[in-house]
Amino acid sequence: MSETNDWNARIIEEFRNNAGKVGGNFEGAPLLLLHTTGAKSGLERVNPMMYQDLGDGRIAVFASAAGADSHPAWYRNVIAHPDVSAEVGTDTLSFHARTADADERDPIWSKQKTDYPGFADYEAKTSRVIPVVILDPA
């Protein structure tokens, strides 16, 4: 198992054992577990990630990949298969994922960088525009 997969597995286990709460780097931050369908494999994938509650049941997540120069695999999955689910706290909810357009993205991304400056660091590491993915209730 890769180091990233092992780290994700530990976060997922802690999340599920503690009603959506985790410590470490994510302590106190809004965290969800995004369930996607693999773009190539068709297999279920689960990724822990921070989110921003947009109200009306909508959630934003961020394809930052910690500032890598390529999009994370989960982002390619939601492009290929936009019907996803997410564990938020103890609830599992269904969503339709879409990439925010520039006008919608800008205020969401700005708030995320203000609230969690690590996202500004990710942005500084890469030349790509980090996608903001909106999860609309299904």
Protein backbone atom coordinates (compact mmCIF):
# COMPACT_ATOMS: atom_id res chain seq x y z
CA MET A 1 0.00 0.00 0.00
CA SER A 2 1.42 3.42 -0.91
CA GLU A 3 2.17 5.99 1.78
CA THR A 4 -0.72 8.17 0.58
CA ASN A 5 -3.17 5.25 0.59
CA ASP A 6 -2.02 4.24 4.07
CA TRP A 7 -2.44 7.83 5.32
CA ASN A 8 -5.92 8.03 3.75
CA ALA A 9 -6.89 4.68 5.28
CA ARG A 10 -5.92 5.93 8.76
CA ILE A 11 -7.93 9.15 8.31
CA ILE A 12 -10.96 7.20 7.01
CA GLU A 13 -10.83 4.80 9.95
CA GLU A 14 -10.51 7.64 12.48
CA PHE A 15 -13.36 9.56 10.79
CA ARG A 16 -15.69 6.56 10.94
CA ASN A 17 -14.75 5.65 14.51
CA ASN A 18 -15.37 9.19 15.78
CA ALA A 19 -18.58 10.33 14.04
CA GLY A 20 -16.71 12.38 11.46
CA LYS A 21 -14.12 13.93 13.79
CA VAL A 22 -10.38 13.52 13.35
CA GLY A 23 -7.24 14.91 14.91
CA GLY A 24 -3.87 15.77 13.45
CA ASN A 25 -3.75 18.06 10.43
CA PHE A 26 -7.55 17.99 10.08
CA GLU A 27 -8.46 18.60 13.74
CA GLY A 28 -11.36 21.07 13.90
CA ALA A 29 -11.62 21.37 10.11
CA PRO A 30 -14.70 20.37 8.14
CA LEU A 31 -13.88 16.96 6.69
CA LEU A 32 -15.87 14.55 4.56
CA LEU A 33 -15.25 11.24 2.85
CA LEU A 34 -15.96 11.52 -0.87
CA HIS A 35 -17.04 8.31 -2.61
CA THR A 36 -16.34 8.28 -6.35
CA THR A 37 -16.32 5.71 -9.11
CA GLY A 38 -12.91 5.18 -10.72
CA ALA A 39 -12.72 6.75 -14.16
CA LYS A 40 -10.85 3.77 -15.60
CA SER A 41 -11.41 0.98 -13.09
CA GLY A 42 -15.08 1.53 -12.31
CA LEU A 43 -14.25 0.67 -8.68
CA GLU A 44 -15.41 2.68 -5.69
CA ARG A 45 -12.81 5.06 -4.30
CA VAL A 46 -13.01 6.93 -0.99
CA ASN A 47 -11.02 10.09 -0.30
CA PRO A 48 -10.97 12.23 2.83
CA MET A 49 -10.98 15.96 2.13
CA MET A 50 -11.86 19.32 3.58
CA TYR A 51 -15.04 20.97 2.43
CA GLN A 52 -16.92 24.24 2.57
CA ASP A 53 -20.64 24.25 3.36
CA LEU A 54 -22.34 26.48 0.78
CA GLY A 55 -25.82 26.18 2.32
CA ASP A 56 -28.95 24.69 0.74
CA GLY A 57 -27.32 21.26 1.01
CA ARG A 58 -24.52 22.22 -1.39
CA ILE A 59 -20.88 21.55 -0.57
CA ALA A 60 -17.64 22.66 -2.21
CA VAL A 61 -14.51 20.52 -2.30
CA PHE A 62 -11.13 21.44 -3.73
CA ALA A 63 -8.97 19.51 -6.20
CA SER A 64 -5.78 20.93 -4.72
CA ALA A 65 -3.65 17.75 -4.63
CA ALA A 66 -1.53 19.69 -2.09
CA GLY A 67 -0.33 21.94 -4.91
CA ALA A 68 0.78 19.21 -7.32
CA ASP A 69 0.94 20.13 -10.99
CA SER A 70 -1.73 17.59 -11.96
CA HIS A 71 -5.27 17.11 -10.79
CA PRO A 72 -5.91 14.44 -8.15
CA ALA A 73 -7.33 11.12 -9.32
CA TRP A 74 -10.62 11.75 -7.49
CA TYR A 75 -11.18 14.83 -9.68
CA ARG A 76 -10.78 12.78 -12.86
CA ASN A 77 -13.26 10.32 -11.33
CA VAL A 78 -15.95 12.96 -10.75
CA ILE A 79 -15.52 14.27 -14.29
CA ALA A 80 -16.09 10.75 -15.64
CA HIS A 81 -18.78 9.78 -13.10
CA PRO A 82 -20.37 12.87 -11.50
CA ASP A 83 -22.88 11.01 -9.35
CA VAL A 84 -21.08 10.65 -6.03
CA SER A 85 -21.80 10.27 -2.33
CA ALA A 86 -20.14 11.75 0.72
CA GLU A 87 -19.97 10.82 4.37
CA VAL A 88 -20.49 14.01 6.35
CA GLY A 89 -20.40 13.32 10.06
CA THR A 90 -22.51 10.20 10.48
CA ASP A 91 -24.65 10.82 7.37
CA THR A 92 -24.04 9.51 3.86
CA LEU A 93 -25.51 11.83 1.26
CA SER A 94 -25.90 11.62 -2.53
CA PHE A 95 -24.65 14.39 -4.80
CA HIS A 96 -24.08 15.37 -8.40
CA ALA A 97 -20.59 16.84 -8.79
CA ARG A 98 -19.70 19.65 -11.16
CA THR A 99 -16.75 21.98 -11.60
CA ALA A 100 -17.56 25.56 -10.63
CA ASP A 101 -17.20 28.13 -13.39
CA ALA A 102 -14.88 31.10 -12.78
CA ASP A 103 -17.58 33.44 -11.46
CA GLU A 104 -18.86 30.83 -8.99
CA ARG A 105 -15.37 29.60 -8.09
CA ASP A 106 -13.71 32.88 -7.16
CA PRO A 107 -15.63 33.76 -3.96
CA ILE A 108 -15.62 30.15 -2.75
CA TRP A 109 -11.90 29.74 -3.38
CA SER A 110 -11.10 33.10 -1.78
CA LYS A 111 -13.01 32.15 1.37
CA GLN A 112 -11.25 28.78 1.55
CA LYS A 113 -7.82 30.42 1.31
CA THR A 114 -8.78 32.94 4.00
CA ASP A 115 -10.23 30.34 6.35
CA TYR A 116 -7.46 27.76 5.70
CA PRO A 117 -4.25 29.47 4.47
CA GLY A 118 -2.73 26.13 3.49
CA PHE A 119 -4.87 26.32 0.37
CA ALA A 120 -3.10 29.55 -0.63
CA ASP A 121 0.18 27.65 -0.22
CA TYR A 122 -1.12 24.92 -2.54
CA GLU A 123 -2.09 27.54 -5.11
CA ALA A 124 1.39 29.09 -4.95
CA LYS A 125 3.02 25.70 -5.66
CA THR A 126 1.29 25.12 -8.99
CA SER A 127 0.58 26.93 -12.24
CA ARG A 128 -2.75 25.15 -12.71
CA VAL A 129 -6.05 26.63 -11.60
CA ILE A 130 -7.19 24.45 -8.71
CA PRO A 131 -10.72 23.28 -9.50
CA VAL A 132 -13.52 23.94 -7.05
CA VAL A 133 -16.04 21.12 -7.26
CA ILE A 134 -19.62 21.79 -6.25
CA LEU A 135 -21.55 18.87 -4.83
CA ASP A 136 -25.22 19.53 -5.52
CA PRO A 137 -27.75 17.38 -3.63
CA ALA A 138 -28.99 14.54 -5.83
